[in-house]
Amino acid sequence: MSLGLIIFLIILGLLLFIIEFMLIPGVTIAGIGGAVCLVTAIVFSFVSFGTGTGLLILGLTVLVMVVLTILMLKAGTWKKFMLKTSIDSKVDTVGAAEGKVRAGDRGVTVTRLAPGGKVLVNGEYYEAKSIDILIDPRQEIEVMKIDDNKLIVKPINKQI
């Protein structure tokens, strides 16, 4: 095998590895193809030109891979392809801090609380939870306490 073909296989293998890392992350045909090209070129260099030349080509290939990796990292190439989203939001709170809902406020169930569901308190809809009881829709409730983003409610018993 000629030296030109070995160099071509090494360059093709390096390009396929760059494609693998930059464009198609994961183990794909590009990465497998790059590995096959590099291994084939190095094996043929040992077979065709002997141990000395084979070791030289192996060393140069490893050196080029390391230099390319360092250049890509220093150039910020990875940052262009990285997902840069950050989550700085939080779960919608009940509004206790703003004074929208307080313990003792009254409202109406919108859905059945079994044990969780929706309620209408002070003109706004909230997630609510009943304790040890199922509450049907359109029943009057009273807020017992506020737990993170849910209201803990109990039914109001109408007495005649």
N, C-alpha and C. Protein backbone atom coordinates (compact mmCIF):
# COMPACT_ATOMS: atom_id res chain seq x y z
N MET A 1 0.85 -1.16 0.00
CA MET A 1 0.00 0.00 0.00
C MET A 1 0.90 1.24 0.00
N SER A 2 0.52 2.23 -0.76
CA SER A 2 1.37 3.41 -0.90
C SER A 2 1.20 4.36 0.29
N LEU A 3 2.22 5.19 0.48
CA LEU A 3 2.21 6.15 1.57
C LEU A 3 1.10 7.18 1.39
N GLY A 4 0.81 7.55 0.13
CA GLY A 4 -0.26 8.51 -0.15
C GLY A 4 -1.62 8.00 0.30
N LEU A 5 -1.87 6.69 0.08
CA LEU A 5 -3.15 6.12 0.49
C LEU A 5 -3.25 6.04 2.02
N ILE A 6 -2.13 5.77 2.68
CA ILE A 6 -2.12 5.73 4.15
C ILE A 6 -2.40 7.13 4.71
N ILE A 7 -1.78 8.14 4.14
CA ILE A 7 -2.01 9.52 4.59
C ILE A 7 -3.46 9.93 4.34
N PHE A 8 -4.00 9.53 3.18
CA PHE A 8 -5.40 9.82 2.85
C PHE A 8 -6.34 9.18 3.88
N LEU A 9 -6.08 7.92 4.25
CA LEU A 9 -6.92 7.23 5.24
C LEU A 9 -6.84 7.91 6.61
N ILE A 10 -5.66 8.38 6.98
CA ILE A 10 -5.50 9.07 8.27
C ILE A 10 -6.27 10.38 8.26
N ILE A 11 -6.13 11.15 7.18
CA ILE A 11 -6.85 12.43 7.09
C ILE A 11 -8.37 12.19 7.08
N LEU A 12 -8.80 11.17 6.32
CA LEU A 12 -10.23 10.84 6.28
C LEU A 12 -10.73 10.41 7.67
N GLY A 13 -9.93 9.61 8.36
CA GLY A 13 -10.30 9.17 9.71
C GLY A 13 -10.41 10.34 10.67
N LEU A 14 -9.47 11.27 10.61
CA LEU A 14 -9.52 12.45 11.48
C LEU A 14 -10.73 13.32 11.17
N LEU A 15 -11.03 13.51 9.88
CA LEU A 15 -12.21 14.29 9.49
C LEU A 15 -13.50 13.63 9.98
N LEU A 16 -13.56 12.31 9.86
CA LEU A 16 -14.76 11.61 10.33
C LEU A 16 -14.90 11.73 11.85
N PHE A 17 -13.77 11.71 12.58
CA PHE A 17 -13.85 11.91 14.03
C PHE A 17 -14.31 13.32 14.37
N ILE A 18 -13.85 14.31 13.63
CA ILE A 18 -14.29 15.68 13.87
C ILE A 18 -15.79 15.80 13.60
N ILE A 19 -16.25 15.19 12.52
CA ILE A 19 -17.69 15.19 12.22
C ILE A 19 -18.46 14.51 13.34
N GLU A 20 -17.91 13.41 13.83
CA GLU A 20 -18.56 12.67 14.92
C GLU A 20 -18.70 13.53 16.17
N PHE A 21 -17.66 14.23 16.55
CA PHE A 21 -17.70 15.00 17.78
C PHE A 21 -18.47 16.31 17.63
N MET A 22 -18.42 16.92 16.46
CA MET A 22 -19.01 18.24 16.30
C MET A 22 -20.44 18.22 15.79
N LEU A 23 -20.73 17.37 14.86
CA LEU A 23 -22.04 17.42 14.20
C LEU A 23 -22.99 16.31 14.61
N ILE A 24 -22.47 15.13 14.82
CA ILE A 24 -23.32 13.97 15.10
C ILE A 24 -22.85 13.31 16.38
N PRO A 25 -23.18 13.87 17.54
CA PRO A 25 -22.68 13.26 18.77
C PRO A 25 -23.28 11.88 19.01
N GLY A 26 -22.51 11.05 19.67
CA GLY A 26 -22.92 9.68 19.92
C GLY A 26 -22.07 8.74 19.09
N VAL A 27 -22.38 7.48 19.15
CA VAL A 27 -21.64 6.50 18.37
C VAL A 27 -22.40 6.30 17.06
N THR A 28 -21.87 6.88 15.99
CA THR A 28 -22.54 6.77 14.69
C THR A 28 -21.57 6.22 13.66
N ILE A 29 -22.02 6.19 12.45
CA ILE A 29 -21.21 5.66 11.35
C ILE A 29 -19.95 6.49 11.15
N ALA A 30 -20.04 7.81 11.39
CA ALA A 30 -18.86 8.67 11.22
C ALA A 30 -17.76 8.27 12.19
N GLY A 31 -18.10 8.04 13.44
CA GLY A 31 -17.09 7.65 14.43
C GLY A 31 -16.52 6.28 14.16
N ILE A 32 -17.39 5.35 13.82
CA ILE A 32 -16.93 4.00 13.50
C ILE A 32 -16.08 4.01 12.24
N GLY A 33 -16.51 4.78 11.23
CA GLY A 33 -15.74 4.90 9.99
C GLY A 33 -14.38 5.53 10.23
N GLY A 34 -14.35 6.57 11.09
CA GLY A 34 -13.08 7.22 11.43
C GLY A 34 -12.13 6.25 12.11
N ALA A 35 -12.64 5.47 13.03
CA ALA A 35 -11.80 4.49 13.73
C ALA A 35 -11.29 3.43 12.77
N VAL A 36 -12.15 2.96 11.88
CA VAL A 36 -11.73 1.95 10.90
C VAL A 36 -10.64 2.51 9.97
N CYS A 37 -10.82 3.75 9.50
CA CYS A 37 -9.82 4.37 8.62
C CYS A 37 -8.47 4.51 9.32
N LEU A 38 -8.49 4.99 10.57
CA LEU A 38 -7.23 5.18 11.29
C LEU A 38 -6.54 3.85 11.59
N VAL A 39 -7.29 2.88 12.05
CA VAL A 39 -6.69 1.57 12.36
C VAL A 39 -6.16 0.92 11.09
N THR A 40 -6.92 1.01 10.00
CA THR A 40 -6.48 0.42 8.73
C THR A 40 -5.18 1.08 8.24
N ALA A 41 -5.14 2.40 8.30
CA ALA A 41 -3.94 3.12 7.85
C ALA A 41 -2.72 2.75 8.70
N ILE A 42 -2.90 2.66 10.01
CA ILE A 42 -1.77 2.34 10.88
C ILE A 42 -1.32 0.89 10.68
N VAL A 43 -2.27 -0.03 10.56
CA VAL A 43 -1.91 -1.45 10.34
C VAL A 43 -1.17 -1.60 9.00
N PHE A 44 -1.69 -0.95 7.96
CA PHE A 44 -1.02 -1.06 6.65
C PHE A 44 0.35 -0.39 6.67
N SER A 45 0.52 0.66 7.47
CA SER A 45 1.85 1.28 7.54
C SER A 45 2.85 0.33 8.21
N PHE A 46 2.40 -0.43 9.21
CA PHE A 46 3.28 -1.42 9.83
C PHE A 46 3.60 -2.54 8.85
N VAL A 47 2.59 -3.01 8.11
CA VAL A 47 2.78 -4.13 7.19
C VAL A 47 3.64 -3.71 6.00
N SER A 48 3.35 -2.54 5.43
CA SER A 48 4.03 -2.14 4.19
C SER A 48 5.43 -1.57 4.43
N PHE A 49 5.63 -0.82 5.52
CA PHE A 49 6.88 -0.10 5.69
C PHE A 49 7.70 -0.53 6.90
N GLY A 50 7.20 -1.47 7.67
CA GLY A 50 7.98 -1.98 8.80
C GLY A 50 7.61 -1.30 10.11
N THR A 51 8.26 -1.77 11.16
CA THR A 51 7.95 -1.31 12.51
C THR A 51 8.32 0.14 12.74
N GLY A 52 9.46 0.57 12.28
CA GLY A 52 9.92 1.95 12.51
C GLY A 52 8.97 2.97 11.91
N THR A 53 8.62 2.78 10.64
CA THR A 53 7.71 3.70 9.97
C THR A 53 6.31 3.60 10.56
N GLY A 54 5.89 2.39 10.92
CA GLY A 54 4.57 2.20 11.53
C GLY A 54 4.46 2.95 12.84
N LEU A 55 5.52 2.85 13.67
CA LEU A 55 5.50 3.58 14.94
C LEU A 55 5.52 5.08 14.72
N LEU A 56 6.24 5.53 13.71
CA LEU A 56 6.28 6.96 13.40
C LEU A 56 4.90 7.45 12.97
N ILE A 57 4.24 6.71 12.11
CA ILE A 57 2.89 7.11 11.65
C ILE A 57 1.90 7.05 12.81
N LEU A 58 2.02 6.03 13.66
CA LEU A 58 1.15 5.93 14.83
C LEU A 58 1.36 7.13 15.75
N GLY A 59 2.58 7.47 16.03
CA GLY A 59 2.89 8.61 16.90
C GLY A 59 2.39 9.92 16.32
N LEU A 60 2.61 10.11 15.01
CA LEU A 60 2.14 11.34 14.36
C LEU A 60 0.62 11.43 14.38
N THR A 61 -0.04 10.31 14.18
CA THR A 61 -1.51 10.30 14.21
C THR A 61 -2.02 10.68 15.59
N VAL A 62 -1.45 10.10 16.63
CA VAL A 62 -1.86 10.43 17.99
C VAL A 62 -1.57 11.90 18.29
N LEU A 63 -0.42 12.37 17.88
CA LEU A 63 -0.05 13.77 18.10
C LEU A 63 -1.03 14.71 17.40
N VAL A 64 -1.38 14.42 16.17
CA VAL A 64 -2.32 15.26 15.43
C VAL A 64 -3.69 15.24 16.10
N MET A 65 -4.13 14.08 16.59
CA MET A 65 -5.43 14.01 17.28
C MET A 65 -5.42 14.85 18.55
N VAL A 66 -4.34 14.79 19.31
CA VAL A 66 -4.24 15.57 20.54
C VAL A 66 -4.21 17.06 20.22
N VAL A 67 -3.43 17.46 19.22
CA VAL A 67 -3.34 18.87 18.85
C VAL A 67 -4.69 19.39 18.35
N LEU A 68 -5.38 18.61 17.53
CA LEU A 68 -6.71 19.02 17.05
C LEU A 68 -7.69 19.18 18.20
N THR A 69 -7.65 18.27 19.15
CA THR A 69 -8.55 18.36 20.30
C THR A 69 -8.26 19.61 21.11
N ILE A 70 -7.00 19.89 21.36
CA ILE A 70 -6.63 21.08 22.13
C ILE A 70 -7.04 22.34 21.39
N LEU A 71 -6.81 22.38 20.08
CA LEU A 71 -7.19 23.57 19.30
C LEU A 71 -8.70 23.78 19.31
N MET A 72 -9.45 22.70 19.21
CA MET A 72 -10.91 22.83 19.23
C MET A 72 -11.39 23.32 20.59
N LEU A 73 -10.77 22.85 21.66
CA LEU A 73 -11.18 23.28 23.00
C LEU A 73 -10.80 24.73 23.26
N LYS A 74 -9.60 25.15 22.84
CA LYS A 74 -9.16 26.53 23.06
C LYS A 74 -9.91 27.52 22.19
N ALA A 75 -10.31 27.11 21.02
CA ALA A 75 -11.00 28.02 20.11
C ALA A 75 -12.44 28.24 20.52
N GLY A 76 -12.93 27.50 21.50
CA GLY A 76 -14.31 27.66 21.93
C GLY A 76 -15.29 27.01 20.97
N THR A 77 -14.81 26.10 20.17
CA THR A 77 -15.68 25.45 19.19
C THR A 77 -16.81 24.70 19.87
N TRP A 78 -16.52 24.09 21.00
CA TRP A 78 -17.54 23.31 21.70
C TRP A 78 -18.66 24.22 22.19
N LYS A 79 -18.33 25.45 22.57
CA LYS A 79 -19.34 26.36 23.11
C LYS A 79 -20.38 26.74 22.06
N LYS A 80 -19.98 26.73 20.82
CA LYS A 80 -20.92 27.05 19.75
C LYS A 80 -21.97 25.95 19.58
N PHE A 81 -21.62 24.74 19.96
CA PHE A 81 -22.52 23.62 19.77
C PHE A 81 -23.24 23.22 21.05
N MET A 82 -22.86 23.79 22.18
CA MET A 82 -23.46 23.42 23.46
C MET A 82 -24.81 24.07 23.65
N LEU A 83 -25.67 23.37 24.34
CA LEU A 83 -26.95 23.92 24.74
C LEU A 83 -26.72 24.81 25.94
N LYS A 84 -27.14 26.08 25.85
CA LYS A 84 -26.82 27.05 26.89
C LYS A 84 -28.06 27.49 27.66
N THR A 85 -29.01 26.63 27.84
CA THR A 85 -30.20 27.04 28.57
C THR A 85 -30.01 26.81 30.06
N SER A 86 -30.53 27.71 30.81
CA SER A 86 -30.52 27.54 32.26
C SER A 86 -31.93 27.80 32.76
N ILE A 87 -32.32 27.05 33.73
CA ILE A 87 -33.67 27.18 34.28
C ILE A 87 -33.56 28.03 35.54
N ASP A 88 -34.10 29.22 35.47
CA ASP A 88 -34.05 30.10 36.62
C ASP A 88 -35.45 30.41 37.13
N SER A 89 -36.41 29.65 36.69
CA SER A 89 -37.78 29.86 37.14
C SER A 89 -38.11 28.89 38.26
N LYS A 90 -39.27 29.05 38.83
CA LYS A 90 -39.69 28.16 39.89
C LYS A 90 -41.16 27.83 39.70
N VAL A 91 -41.61 26.88 40.45
CA VAL A 91 -43.00 26.47 40.37
C VAL A 91 -43.88 27.64 40.80
N ASP A 92 -45.00 27.79 40.11
CA ASP A 92 -45.91 28.86 40.44
C ASP A 92 -46.39 28.69 41.88
N THR A 93 -46.16 29.70 42.67
CA THR A 93 -46.56 29.62 44.08
C THR A 93 -48.02 30.00 44.22
N VAL A 94 -48.56 29.71 45.36
CA VAL A 94 -49.97 29.95 45.60
C VAL A 94 -50.26 31.43 45.78
N GLY A 95 -49.31 32.20 46.15
CA GLY A 95 -49.52 33.63 46.34
C GLY A 95 -49.67 34.02 47.79
N ALA A 96 -49.23 33.14 48.69
CA ALA A 96 -49.34 33.46 50.12
C ALA A 96 -48.46 34.64 50.48
N ALA A 97 -47.30 34.74 49.85
CA ALA A 97 -46.38 35.84 50.15
C ALA A 97 -46.96 37.18 49.71
N GLU A 98 -47.73 37.16 48.63
CA GLU A 98 -48.33 38.39 48.13
C GLU A 98 -49.64 38.71 48.83
N GLY A 99 -50.12 37.81 49.67
CA GLY A 99 -51.38 38.04 50.39
C GLY A 99 -52.61 37.68 49.59
N LYS A 100 -52.44 36.95 48.50
CA LYS A 100 -53.59 36.58 47.67
C LYS A 100 -54.47 35.55 48.37
N VAL A 101 -53.83 34.60 49.06
CA VAL A 101 -54.57 33.54 49.74
C VAL A 101 -54.02 33.40 51.15
N ARG A 102 -54.92 33.27 52.09
CA ARG A 102 -54.53 33.08 53.49
C ARG A 102 -55.35 31.95 54.09
N ALA A 103 -54.83 31.40 55.16
CA ALA A 103 -55.60 30.40 55.89
C ALA A 103 -56.89 31.05 56.38
N GLY A 104 -58.00 30.34 56.20
CA GLY A 104 -59.31 30.88 56.58
C GLY A 104 -60.11 31.41 55.42
N ASP A 105 -59.46 31.66 54.27
CA ASP A 105 -60.19 32.11 53.09
C ASP A 105 -61.12 31.01 52.61
N ARG A 106 -62.21 31.43 51.99
CA ARG A 106 -63.19 30.46 51.51
C ARG A 106 -63.25 30.49 50.00
N GLY A 107 -63.68 29.35 49.44
CA GLY A 107 -63.79 29.24 47.99
C GLY A 107 -64.70 28.10 47.61
N VAL A 108 -64.60 27.69 46.35
CA VAL A 108 -65.45 26.64 45.80
C VAL A 108 -64.57 25.67 45.02
N THR A 109 -64.90 24.38 45.12
CA THR A 109 -64.15 23.40 44.33
C THR A 109 -64.60 23.49 42.87
N VAL A 110 -63.64 23.39 41.98
CA VAL A 110 -63.93 23.39 40.55
C VAL A 110 -63.99 21.95 40.05
N THR A 111 -63.05 21.14 40.50
CA THR A 111 -63.05 19.72 40.18
C THR A 111 -63.18 18.94 41.48
N ARG A 112 -63.40 17.66 41.36
CA ARG A 112 -63.47 16.82 42.54
C ARG A 112 -62.09 16.72 43.18
N LEU A 113 -62.02 16.90 44.47
CA LEU A 113 -60.77 16.76 45.19
C LEU A 113 -60.69 15.33 45.69
N ALA A 114 -59.85 14.55 45.03
CA ALA A 114 -59.77 13.12 45.35
C ALA A 114 -58.33 12.65 45.45
N PRO A 115 -57.50 13.02 46.32
CA PRO A 115 -57.63 14.14 47.24
C PRO A 115 -57.20 15.47 46.63
N GLY A 116 -56.61 15.47 45.41
CA GLY A 116 -56.17 16.73 44.82
C GLY A 116 -57.08 17.17 43.69
N GLY A 117 -57.09 18.46 43.43
CA GLY A 117 -57.89 18.99 42.34
C GLY A 117 -57.76 20.51 42.29
N LYS A 118 -58.71 21.16 41.61
CA LYS A 118 -58.68 22.61 41.45
C LYS A 118 -59.79 23.25 42.27
N VAL A 119 -59.43 24.43 42.81
CA VAL A 119 -60.40 25.22 43.56
C VAL A 119 -60.34 26.67 43.09
N LEU A 120 -61.42 27.39 43.36
CA LEU A 120 -61.50 28.81 43.05
C LEU A 120 -61.56 29.56 44.38
N VAL A 121 -60.49 30.30 44.68
CA VAL A 121 -60.41 31.06 45.93
C VAL A 121 -60.04 32.49 45.59
N ASN A 122 -60.83 33.43 46.10
CA ASN A 122 -60.59 34.87 45.88
C ASN A 122 -60.47 35.21 44.39
N GLY A 123 -61.26 34.54 43.57
CA GLY A 123 -61.32 34.84 42.15
C GLY A 123 -60.20 34.24 41.31
N GLU A 124 -59.35 33.39 41.89
CA GLU A 124 -58.27 32.75 41.15
C GLU A 124 -58.29 31.24 41.36
N TYR A 125 -57.82 30.52 40.34
CA TYR A 125 -57.79 29.06 40.41
C TYR A 125 -56.47 28.58 40.99
N TYR A 126 -56.55 27.59 41.87
CA TYR A 126 -55.36 27.03 42.51
C TYR A 126 -55.48 25.51 42.59
N GLU A 127 -54.31 24.88 42.72
CA GLU A 127 -54.27 23.45 43.02
C GLU A 127 -54.54 23.31 44.51
N ALA A 128 -55.37 22.34 44.85
CA ALA A 128 -55.70 22.15 46.26
C ALA A 128 -55.71 20.67 46.58
N LYS A 129 -55.65 20.41 47.88
CA LYS A 129 -55.64 19.03 48.37
C LYS A 129 -56.50 18.98 49.61
N SER A 130 -57.35 17.95 49.66
CA SER A 130 -58.16 17.76 50.86
C SER A 130 -57.51 16.69 51.72
N ILE A 131 -57.82 16.72 52.98
CA ILE A 131 -57.23 15.75 53.90
C ILE A 131 -58.31 14.74 54.29
N ASP A 132 -58.05 13.48 53.99
CA ASP A 132 -58.89 12.36 54.42
C ASP A 132 -60.33 12.40 53.96
N ILE A 133 -60.65 13.18 52.95
CA ILE A 133 -62.03 13.22 52.50
C ILE A 133 -62.07 13.59 51.02
N LEU A 134 -63.02 13.07 50.30
CA LEU A 134 -63.25 13.45 48.91
C LEU A 134 -64.28 14.56 48.90
N ILE A 135 -64.02 15.58 48.11
CA ILE A 135 -64.93 16.72 48.04
C ILE A 135 -65.40 16.85 46.60
N ASP A 136 -66.71 16.86 46.40
CA ASP A 136 -67.29 16.94 45.07
C ASP A 136 -67.14 18.35 44.48
N PRO A 137 -67.32 18.48 43.15
CA PRO A 137 -67.25 19.81 42.53
C PRO A 137 -68.36 20.73 43.05
N ARG A 138 -68.11 22.02 42.96
CA ARG A 138 -69.04 23.08 43.36
C ARG A 138 -69.42 23.02 44.84
N GLN A 139 -68.51 22.56 45.67
CA GLN A 139 -68.73 22.53 47.12
C GLN A 139 -67.91 23.66 47.76
N GLU A 140 -68.44 24.24 48.77
CA GLU A 140 -67.72 25.31 49.47
C GLU A 140 -66.62 24.71 50.32
N ILE A 141 -65.46 25.38 50.30
CA ILE A 141 -64.31 24.90 51.06
C ILE A 141 -63.70 26.07 51.82
N GLU A 142 -62.87 25.71 52.80
CA GLU A 142 -62.12 26.70 53.55
C GLU A 142 -60.65 26.30 53.52
N VAL A 143 -59.77 27.28 53.33
CA VAL A 143 -58.33 27.02 53.29
C VAL A 143 -57.85 26.82 54.72
N MET A 144 -57.26 25.65 54.98
CA MET A 144 -56.72 25.36 56.31
C MET A 144 -55.28 25.86 56.42
N LYS A 145 -54.48 25.54 55.41
CA LYS A 145 -53.09 26.01 55.41
C LYS A 145 -52.57 26.01 53.98
N ILE A 146 -51.41 26.61 53.79
CA ILE A 146 -50.78 26.68 52.48
C ILE A 146 -49.49 25.89 52.55
N ASP A 147 -49.37 24.90 51.66
CA ASP A 147 -48.21 24.02 51.65
C ASP A 147 -47.52 24.16 50.29
N ASP A 148 -46.39 24.88 50.25
CA ASP A 148 -45.64 25.14 49.02
C ASP A 148 -46.54 25.71 47.93
N ASN A 149 -46.88 24.89 46.94
CA ASN A 149 -47.69 25.40 45.84
C ASN A 149 -49.10 24.82 45.85
N LYS A 150 -49.54 24.28 46.97
CA LYS A 150 -50.90 23.74 47.07
C LYS A 150 -51.60 24.27 48.30
N LEU A 151 -52.90 24.38 48.15
CA LEU A 151 -53.72 24.76 49.30
C LEU A 151 -54.23 23.49 49.95
N ILE A 152 -54.23 23.45 51.26
CA ILE A 152 -54.83 22.35 52.01
C ILE A 152 -56.19 22.86 52.46
N VAL A 153 -57.24 22.18 52.04
CA VAL A 153 -58.59 22.67 52.27
C VAL A 153 -59.44 21.63 52.99
N LYS A 154 -60.56 22.12 53.54
CA LYS A 154 -61.57 21.24 54.14
C LYS A 154 -62.93 21.76 53.70
N PRO A 155 -63.90 20.86 53.62
CA PRO A 155 -65.24 21.31 53.22
C PRO A 155 -65.89 22.12 54.36
N ILE A 156 -66.76 23.03 53.96
CA ILE A 156 -67.52 23.78 54.93
C ILE A 156 -68.85 23.06 55.07
N ASN A 157 -69.14 22.59 56.26
CA ASN A 157 -70.39 21.87 56.51
C ASN A 157 -71.50 22.88 56.74
N LYS A 158 -72.49 22.84 55.88
CA LYS A 158 -73.63 23.72 56.05
C LYS A 158 -74.57 23.07 57.06
N GLN A 159 -74.91 23.81 58.07
CA GLN A 159 -75.82 23.28 59.07
C GLN A 159 -77.17 23.99 58.94
N ILE A 160 -78.23 23.22 59.06
CA ILE A 160 -79.58 23.79 58.91
C ILE A 160 -80.22 23.97 60.26
